[in-house]
Amino acid sequence: MSSFFVELWEGIFTPGPTPTILKATNVSFAALQVVLLSLLYATYSVHFVVLSALCGGLWWSINWFARELKIAQAAEAERKKREEEKKKLQGDGSGSSDTEVEGKVARRTTRSSKKSGGPGPAAAAAAAAVKADAEPLESRGEVKQRAVLEPQSSASTEDEWERVSESER
């Protein structure tokens, strides 16, 4: 019995519905239905019929959601498995790799270029695109340093104060 509570506590922190959480949920809803039916029998109040119907709908919807989630997870696992198998088949046969150079993707073939004696047309086009991207479009003149007409420190604050005081006179 204590292992059930340990699994329940650990199941709270794992994503998705675990079997232990589903079992605890079903037992809790069954106990709630028993309580609601016993209160209906004791009071003959229509409120407990409505509450029992709401409880049953919620119980059914939780189990439905858990089943749908389990189906979706199985489909996702199958899709990932197919993608991995597809990547393995493509990786073994083509012998190519993609490299990205400043936003452009260049496809470099290794095995196919050795077999044919040279790069294929796609590889040549990609190499030309990379080469064109690396070279400047137009050559510009030499960088010239601007001539400094007057050093910045020549005009001191004392000279400025003298000018201000002369203008005041």
Protein backbone atom coordinates (compact mmCIF):
# COMPACT_ATOMS: atom_id res chain seq x y z
CA MET A 1 0.00 0.00 0.00
CA SER A 2 2.85 2.41 0.79
CA SER A 3 4.38 1.76 -2.64
CA PHE A 4 1.12 2.99 -4.20
CA PHE A 5 1.43 6.32 -2.38
CA VAL A 6 5.10 6.61 -3.33
CA GLU A 7 4.24 5.97 -6.98
CA LEU A 8 1.35 8.43 -6.71
CA TRP A 9 3.66 11.12 -5.31
CA GLU A 10 6.28 10.50 -8.03
CA GLY A 11 3.56 10.39 -10.68
CA ILE A 12 2.53 13.93 -9.83
CA PHE A 13 5.92 15.20 -11.02
CA THR A 14 6.04 13.23 -14.27
CA PRO A 15 4.37 14.69 -17.36
CA GLY A 16 1.27 12.99 -18.69
CA PRO A 17 -1.22 10.71 -17.00
CA THR A 18 0.53 7.88 -15.21
CA PRO A 19 -1.35 4.65 -14.45
CA THR A 20 -1.12 5.33 -10.71
CA ILE A 21 -2.70 8.78 -11.06
CA LEU A 22 -5.48 7.40 -13.26
CA LYS A 23 -6.16 4.65 -10.74
CA ALA A 24 -6.32 7.18 -7.88
CA THR A 25 -8.59 9.44 -9.94
CA ASN A 26 -11.00 6.60 -10.75
CA VAL A 27 -11.13 5.48 -7.11
CA SER A 28 -11.78 9.06 -5.96
CA PHE A 29 -14.62 9.59 -8.45
CA ALA A 30 -16.14 6.23 -7.56
CA ALA A 31 -16.07 7.18 -3.87
CA LEU A 32 -17.65 10.56 -4.71
CA GLN A 33 -20.44 8.83 -6.65
CA VAL A 34 -21.11 6.54 -3.68
CA VAL A 35 -21.32 9.55 -1.34
CA LEU A 36 -23.64 11.44 -3.71
CA LEU A 37 -25.92 8.41 -4.16
CA SER A 38 -26.08 7.84 -0.41
CA LEU A 39 -26.97 11.53 0.12
CA LEU A 40 -29.65 11.22 -2.56
CA TYR A 41 -31.08 8.21 -0.77
CA ALA A 42 -30.98 10.03 2.59
CA THR A 43 -32.49 13.36 1.46
CA TYR A 44 -34.39 12.65 -1.77
CA SER A 45 -33.05 15.96 -3.08
CA VAL A 46 -32.79 16.54 -6.82
CA HIS A 47 -29.56 18.46 -6.23
CA PHE A 48 -27.67 15.23 -5.66
CA VAL A 49 -28.93 13.83 -8.97
CA VAL A 50 -27.52 16.89 -10.76
CA LEU A 51 -24.25 16.69 -8.83
CA SER A 52 -23.99 12.97 -9.60
CA ALA A 53 -24.53 13.67 -13.32
CA LEU A 54 -21.86 16.39 -13.27
CA CYS A 55 -19.48 14.09 -11.43
CA GLY A 56 -20.08 11.29 -13.94
CA GLY A 57 -19.50 13.65 -16.89
CA LEU A 58 -16.25 14.92 -15.43
CA TRP A 59 -15.11 11.40 -14.62
CA TRP A 60 -15.82 10.25 -18.18
CA SER A 61 -14.10 13.31 -19.71
CA ILE A 62 -10.92 12.81 -17.66
CA ASN A 63 -10.68 9.18 -18.77
CA TRP A 64 -11.42 10.16 -22.39
CA PHE A 65 -8.68 12.80 -22.31
CA ALA A 66 -6.18 10.32 -20.86
CA ARG A 67 -6.99 7.82 -23.66
CA GLU A 68 -6.63 10.49 -26.36
CA LEU A 69 -3.35 11.67 -24.89
CA LYS A 70 -2.03 8.11 -24.85
CA ILE A 71 -3.00 7.69 -28.53
CA ALA A 72 -1.33 10.99 -29.46
CA GLN A 73 1.86 10.06 -27.62
CA ALA A 74 1.99 6.70 -29.37
CA ALA A 75 1.50 8.40 -32.77
CA GLU A 76 4.26 10.92 -31.97
CA ALA A 77 6.64 8.14 -30.94
CA GLU A 78 5.90 6.28 -34.18
CA ARG A 79 6.49 9.45 -36.24
CA LYS A 80 9.83 10.09 -34.54
CA LYS A 81 10.85 6.48 -35.12
CA ARG A 82 10.04 6.79 -38.85
CA GLU A 83 11.98 10.07 -39.10
CA GLU A 84 15.05 8.51 -37.47
CA GLU A 85 14.89 5.54 -39.85
CA LYS A 86 14.50 7.94 -42.78
CA LYS A 87 17.51 10.00 -41.64
CA LYS A 88 19.60 6.84 -41.30
CA LEU A 89 18.69 5.76 -44.83
CA GLN A 90 19.44 9.21 -46.27
CA GLY A 91 22.65 9.59 -44.29
CA ASP A 92 24.06 6.23 -45.46
CA GLY A 93 23.31 6.68 -49.15
CA SER A 94 24.07 10.29 -50.04
CA GLY A 95 27.30 11.03 -48.21
CA SER A 96 26.58 14.74 -48.16
CA SER A 97 26.50 17.35 -45.49
CA ASP A 98 25.01 20.80 -45.26
CA THR A 99 27.09 23.76 -44.16
CA GLU A 100 25.79 27.22 -43.58
CA VAL A 101 27.91 30.22 -44.58
CA GLU A 102 26.53 33.62 -43.59
CA GLY A 103 22.90 32.71 -44.17
CA LYS A 104 23.46 30.65 -47.32
CA VAL A 105 23.41 26.87 -47.28
CA ALA A 106 26.11 25.19 -49.32
CA ARG A 107 25.73 21.51 -50.03
CA ARG A 108 29.04 19.69 -50.04
CA THR A 109 29.16 16.24 -51.55
CA THR A 110 31.95 13.87 -50.66
CA ARG A 111 31.27 10.41 -51.99
CA SER A 112 29.43 11.43 -55.14
CA SER A 113 32.19 13.87 -56.17
CA LYS A 114 34.85 11.16 -55.77
CA LYS A 115 32.88 8.76 -57.92
CA SER A 116 32.27 11.17 -60.79
CA GLY A 117 35.72 12.76 -60.78
CA GLY A 118 34.57 16.24 -59.80
CA PRO A 119 31.88 18.19 -58.07
CA GLY A 120 28.40 18.01 -59.48
CA PRO A 121 26.52 21.01 -60.86
CA ALA A 122 24.77 21.67 -57.57
CA ALA A 123 28.07 21.69 -55.69
CA ALA A 124 29.65 24.01 -58.27
CA ALA A 125 26.72 26.44 -58.02
CA ALA A 126 26.92 26.39 -54.23
CA ALA A 127 30.69 26.99 -54.31
CA ALA A 128 30.19 29.93 -56.68
CA ALA A 129 27.56 31.39 -54.38
CA VAL A 130 29.88 31.06 -51.38
CA LYS A 131 32.79 32.57 -53.35
CA ALA A 132 30.63 35.46 -54.53
CA ASP A 133 29.50 36.03 -50.98
CA ALA A 134 33.08 36.15 -49.70
CA GLU A 135 34.49 38.58 -52.30
CA PRO A 136 33.65 42.29 -52.27
CA LEU A 137 31.28 43.43 -54.98
CA GLU A 138 33.35 46.45 -55.99
CA SER A 139 36.79 47.60 -55.05
CA ARG A 140 36.96 50.92 -53.35
CA GLY A 141 39.86 53.32 -52.97
CA GLU A 142 42.38 53.33 -50.21
CA VAL A 143 41.34 54.48 -46.81
CA LYS A 144 42.77 57.94 -46.21
CA GLN A 145 43.19 59.60 -42.88
CA ARG A 146 41.61 63.00 -42.61
CA ALA A 147 43.89 65.92 -42.14
CA VAL A 148 43.67 67.60 -38.79
CA LEU A 149 43.61 71.37 -39.26
CA GLU A 150 43.98 72.47 -35.67
CA PRO A 151 44.81 70.39 -32.64
CA GLN A 152 41.90 70.08 -30.29
CA SER A 153 43.77 71.25 -27.22
CA SER A 154 44.84 74.59 -28.75
CA ALA A 155 41.72 76.38 -27.67
CA SER A 156 41.89 76.39 -23.91
CA THR A 157 39.30 77.57 -21.48
CA GLU A 158 41.50 80.53 -20.49
CA ASP A 159 41.38 81.82 -24.07
CA GLU A 160 37.62 81.52 -24.08
CA TRP A 161 37.33 83.42 -20.79
CA GLU A 162 39.51 86.15 -22.21
CA ARG A 163 37.24 86.43 -25.24
CA VAL A 164 34.16 86.64 -23.02
CA SER A 165 35.69 89.30 -20.82
CA GLU A 166 36.79 91.32 -23.86
CA SER A 167 33.31 91.21 -25.31
CA GLU A 168 31.83 92.43 -22.04
CA ARG A 169 34.02 95.52 -22.02
